[in-house]
N, C-alpha and C. Protein backbone atom coordinates (compact mmCIF):
# COMPACT_ATOMS: atom_id res chain seq x y z
N MET A 1 27.25 -35.70 22.78
CA MET A 1 26.36 -35.88 21.65
C MET A 1 27.12 -35.52 20.38
N ASP A 2 26.95 -36.31 19.34
CA ASP A 2 27.68 -36.05 18.10
C ASP A 2 27.08 -34.85 17.37
N PRO A 3 27.84 -34.21 16.47
CA PRO A 3 27.37 -32.99 15.79
C PRO A 3 26.08 -33.19 15.01
N LYS A 4 25.91 -34.33 14.36
CA LYS A 4 24.69 -34.58 13.59
C LYS A 4 23.47 -34.63 14.50
N ALA A 5 23.60 -35.27 15.66
CA ALA A 5 22.50 -35.34 16.62
C ALA A 5 22.17 -33.95 17.17
N GLN A 6 23.20 -33.15 17.46
CA GLN A 6 22.98 -31.79 17.94
C GLN A 6 22.26 -30.96 16.87
N PHE A 7 22.68 -31.12 15.64
CA PHE A 7 22.06 -30.41 14.52
C PHE A 7 20.59 -30.80 14.39
N ASP A 8 20.30 -32.09 14.41
CA ASP A 8 18.92 -32.56 14.29
C ASP A 8 18.06 -32.05 15.44
N GLU A 9 18.62 -32.03 16.64
CA GLU A 9 17.89 -31.53 17.81
C GLU A 9 17.62 -30.03 17.68
N ALA A 10 18.62 -29.29 17.22
CA ALA A 10 18.46 -27.84 17.03
C ALA A 10 17.39 -27.57 15.98
N ARG A 11 17.38 -28.36 14.91
CA ARG A 11 16.37 -28.21 13.85
C ARG A 11 14.97 -28.42 14.42
N ALA A 12 14.81 -29.42 15.25
CA ALA A 12 13.51 -29.69 15.86
C ALA A 12 13.10 -28.55 16.80
N ARG A 13 14.06 -28.00 17.54
CA ARG A 13 13.75 -26.89 18.45
C ARG A 13 13.36 -25.64 17.69
N ILE A 14 13.99 -25.40 16.56
CA ILE A 14 13.64 -24.24 15.73
C ILE A 14 12.19 -24.37 15.26
N ASP A 15 11.79 -25.56 14.89
CA ASP A 15 10.41 -25.79 14.43
C ASP A 15 9.39 -25.51 15.51
N ARG A 16 9.80 -25.60 16.77
CA ARG A 16 8.87 -25.42 17.88
C ARG A 16 8.88 -23.99 18.46
N LEU A 17 9.64 -23.09 17.88
CA LEU A 17 9.67 -21.71 18.38
C LEU A 17 8.27 -21.12 18.31
N THR A 18 7.90 -20.38 19.35
CA THR A 18 6.58 -19.77 19.36
C THR A 18 6.54 -18.45 18.60
N ALA A 19 7.67 -17.74 18.55
CA ALA A 19 7.75 -16.49 17.80
C ALA A 19 8.71 -16.70 16.63
N ALA A 20 8.32 -16.18 15.49
CA ALA A 20 9.17 -16.33 14.30
C ALA A 20 10.43 -15.49 14.45
N PRO A 21 11.57 -16.05 14.07
CA PRO A 21 12.80 -15.28 14.07
C PRO A 21 12.73 -14.14 13.05
N SER A 22 13.61 -13.19 13.17
CA SER A 22 13.66 -12.08 12.22
C SER A 22 14.04 -12.61 10.83
N THR A 23 13.78 -11.81 9.82
CA THR A 23 14.10 -12.21 8.46
C THR A 23 15.60 -12.51 8.29
N PRO A 24 16.50 -11.66 8.80
CA PRO A 24 17.93 -12.01 8.68
C PRO A 24 18.28 -13.33 9.38
N ASP A 25 17.67 -13.59 10.53
CA ASP A 25 17.92 -14.86 11.22
C ASP A 25 17.36 -16.04 10.44
N LEU A 26 16.18 -15.86 9.84
CA LEU A 26 15.61 -16.94 9.03
C LEU A 26 16.49 -17.24 7.82
N LEU A 27 17.01 -16.21 7.19
CA LEU A 27 17.91 -16.42 6.05
C LEU A 27 19.19 -17.12 6.48
N GLU A 28 19.71 -16.74 7.64
CA GLU A 28 20.92 -17.38 8.15
C GLU A 28 20.65 -18.86 8.47
N LEU A 29 19.51 -19.15 9.10
CA LEU A 29 19.15 -20.53 9.38
C LEU A 29 19.02 -21.34 8.09
N TYR A 30 18.36 -20.75 7.11
CA TYR A 30 18.19 -21.41 5.82
C TYR A 30 19.54 -21.72 5.18
N ALA A 31 20.40 -20.72 5.14
CA ALA A 31 21.71 -20.89 4.50
C ALA A 31 22.54 -21.95 5.19
N LEU A 32 22.56 -21.91 6.51
CA LEU A 32 23.34 -22.90 7.26
C LEU A 32 22.76 -24.30 7.09
N TYR A 33 21.44 -24.41 7.10
CA TYR A 33 20.80 -25.71 6.92
C TYR A 33 21.15 -26.29 5.55
N LYS A 34 21.01 -25.48 4.51
CA LYS A 34 21.31 -25.95 3.15
C LYS A 34 22.78 -26.33 3.00
N GLN A 35 23.68 -25.52 3.58
CA GLN A 35 25.10 -25.82 3.48
C GLN A 35 25.42 -27.12 4.22
N ALA A 36 24.77 -27.32 5.36
CA ALA A 36 25.02 -28.53 6.15
C ALA A 36 24.45 -29.78 5.49
N THR A 37 23.33 -29.65 4.81
CA THR A 37 22.68 -30.84 4.26
C THR A 37 22.97 -31.10 2.79
N ILE A 38 23.27 -30.05 2.03
CA ILE A 38 23.49 -30.22 0.58
C ILE A 38 24.92 -29.86 0.17
N GLY A 39 25.46 -28.82 0.77
CA GLY A 39 26.79 -28.34 0.39
C GLY A 39 26.66 -27.01 -0.32
N ASP A 40 27.65 -26.69 -1.13
CA ASP A 40 27.67 -25.40 -1.81
C ASP A 40 26.49 -25.21 -2.75
N VAL A 41 26.02 -23.98 -2.80
CA VAL A 41 24.92 -23.61 -3.70
C VAL A 41 25.39 -23.80 -5.15
N SER A 42 24.46 -24.18 -6.01
CA SER A 42 24.79 -24.35 -7.42
C SER A 42 23.63 -23.83 -8.25
N GLY A 43 23.85 -23.72 -9.52
CA GLY A 43 22.81 -23.25 -10.42
C GLY A 43 22.87 -21.76 -10.60
N PRO A 44 22.05 -21.26 -11.50
CA PRO A 44 22.04 -19.83 -11.76
C PRO A 44 21.37 -19.05 -10.63
N ARG A 45 21.81 -17.82 -10.46
CA ARG A 45 21.21 -16.94 -9.46
C ARG A 45 19.82 -16.54 -9.95
N PRO A 46 18.81 -16.61 -9.09
CA PRO A 46 17.44 -16.26 -9.51
C PRO A 46 17.33 -14.81 -9.97
N SER A 47 16.31 -14.57 -10.74
CA SER A 47 16.03 -13.24 -11.26
C SER A 47 15.85 -12.23 -10.13
N ALA A 48 16.22 -10.99 -10.40
CA ALA A 48 16.04 -9.91 -9.42
C ALA A 48 14.56 -9.68 -9.13
N LEU A 49 13.69 -10.15 -10.00
CA LEU A 49 12.26 -9.99 -9.77
C LEU A 49 11.70 -11.00 -8.77
N ASP A 50 12.43 -12.07 -8.55
CA ASP A 50 12.03 -13.08 -7.57
C ASP A 50 12.81 -12.81 -6.28
N PHE A 51 12.34 -11.84 -5.52
CA PHE A 51 13.06 -11.34 -4.34
C PHE A 51 13.37 -12.44 -3.33
N ARG A 52 12.38 -13.26 -3.04
CA ARG A 52 12.54 -14.29 -2.02
C ARG A 52 13.59 -15.33 -2.43
N ALA A 53 13.47 -15.85 -3.64
CA ALA A 53 14.42 -16.87 -4.12
C ALA A 53 15.82 -16.29 -4.20
N ARG A 54 15.92 -15.05 -4.62
CA ARG A 54 17.24 -14.43 -4.74
C ARG A 54 17.88 -14.22 -3.37
N ALA A 55 17.08 -13.78 -2.40
CA ALA A 55 17.60 -13.58 -1.04
C ALA A 55 18.09 -14.90 -0.46
N LYS A 56 17.33 -15.97 -0.67
CA LYS A 56 17.73 -17.28 -0.15
C LYS A 56 19.00 -17.77 -0.85
N PHE A 57 19.06 -17.61 -2.16
CA PHE A 57 20.25 -18.01 -2.91
C PHE A 57 21.47 -17.24 -2.42
N ASP A 58 21.32 -15.93 -2.28
CA ASP A 58 22.45 -15.09 -1.85
C ASP A 58 22.91 -15.44 -0.43
N ALA A 59 21.95 -15.72 0.45
CA ALA A 59 22.31 -16.11 1.82
C ALA A 59 23.10 -17.42 1.80
N TRP A 60 22.63 -18.37 1.04
CA TRP A 60 23.30 -19.67 0.94
C TRP A 60 24.69 -19.50 0.31
N ALA A 61 24.80 -18.64 -0.69
CA ALA A 61 26.07 -18.43 -1.37
C ALA A 61 27.14 -17.89 -0.42
N THR A 62 26.73 -17.18 0.64
CA THR A 62 27.71 -16.65 1.59
C THR A 62 28.38 -17.78 2.38
N LYS A 63 27.79 -18.95 2.38
CA LYS A 63 28.34 -20.09 3.13
C LYS A 63 29.21 -20.99 2.25
N ARG A 64 29.37 -20.62 0.99
CA ARG A 64 30.15 -21.43 0.05
C ARG A 64 31.52 -21.76 0.63
N GLY A 65 31.87 -23.02 0.58
CA GLY A 65 33.17 -23.47 1.08
C GLY A 65 33.16 -23.94 2.52
N ALA A 66 32.11 -23.65 3.25
CA ALA A 66 32.04 -24.11 4.65
C ALA A 66 31.82 -25.62 4.68
N THR A 67 32.48 -26.28 5.61
CA THR A 67 32.31 -27.73 5.74
C THR A 67 30.95 -28.05 6.35
N THR A 68 30.54 -29.27 6.18
CA THR A 68 29.28 -29.72 6.77
C THR A 68 29.31 -29.53 8.28
N GLU A 69 30.42 -29.90 8.89
CA GLU A 69 30.54 -29.81 10.35
C GLU A 69 30.49 -28.35 10.82
N ALA A 70 31.16 -27.46 10.09
CA ALA A 70 31.15 -26.05 10.47
C ALA A 70 29.75 -25.46 10.33
N ALA A 71 29.04 -25.81 9.26
CA ALA A 71 27.68 -25.31 9.06
C ALA A 71 26.75 -25.84 10.15
N MET A 72 26.90 -27.11 10.50
CA MET A 72 26.07 -27.68 11.57
C MET A 72 26.33 -26.98 12.89
N ALA A 73 27.60 -26.75 13.21
CA ALA A 73 27.95 -26.09 14.47
C ALA A 73 27.40 -24.67 14.51
N ALA A 74 27.49 -23.95 13.40
CA ALA A 74 26.97 -22.58 13.35
C ALA A 74 25.45 -22.58 13.48
N TYR A 75 24.78 -23.57 12.89
CA TYR A 75 23.33 -23.69 12.99
C TYR A 75 22.92 -23.93 14.44
N VAL A 76 23.61 -24.83 15.11
CA VAL A 76 23.32 -25.13 16.51
C VAL A 76 23.53 -23.88 17.37
N ALA A 77 24.62 -23.15 17.12
CA ALA A 77 24.90 -21.94 17.89
C ALA A 77 23.81 -20.88 17.66
N LEU A 78 23.38 -20.72 16.43
CA LEU A 78 22.32 -19.74 16.13
C LEU A 78 21.01 -20.17 16.78
N ALA A 79 20.70 -21.44 16.75
CA ALA A 79 19.47 -21.94 17.39
C ALA A 79 19.50 -21.65 18.89
N GLN A 80 20.65 -21.84 19.51
CA GLN A 80 20.78 -21.55 20.94
C GLN A 80 20.60 -20.06 21.21
N ARG A 81 21.18 -19.21 20.34
CA ARG A 81 21.04 -17.76 20.50
C ARG A 81 19.59 -17.32 20.36
N LEU A 82 18.85 -18.02 19.51
CA LEU A 82 17.44 -17.67 19.30
C LEU A 82 16.54 -18.24 20.39
N GLY A 83 17.12 -18.97 21.31
CA GLY A 83 16.34 -19.52 22.41
C GLY A 83 15.67 -20.83 22.10
N ALA A 84 16.11 -21.47 21.04
CA ALA A 84 15.51 -22.75 20.67
C ALA A 84 16.25 -23.90 21.33
C-alpha cells in the first residue's frame, strides 16, 4: 500500500477510536497531520492568552522541515501505537 493510502486509512481509524487519545497524543496527531497535508507552519504565533491555538501552533512548529512522507509515516506509526 502506498504511503498516502496508509495515511488516509490511519486517519479514518483515528476518527473511529472509542476512547479519546491523551492531550499530548492529540497534539502530536494534529501536528503530524498538518505537516503532512500543508507543510511547515506559517504566520504569527498565537497570543499566550489563546492556550489552545498556541499549543497547536507550537506542536506543529516542532515538525518544521519534516517531509510530507516522513510526517505521514510518523502519523501512521502513532495511529498504530494508539490502537487505531
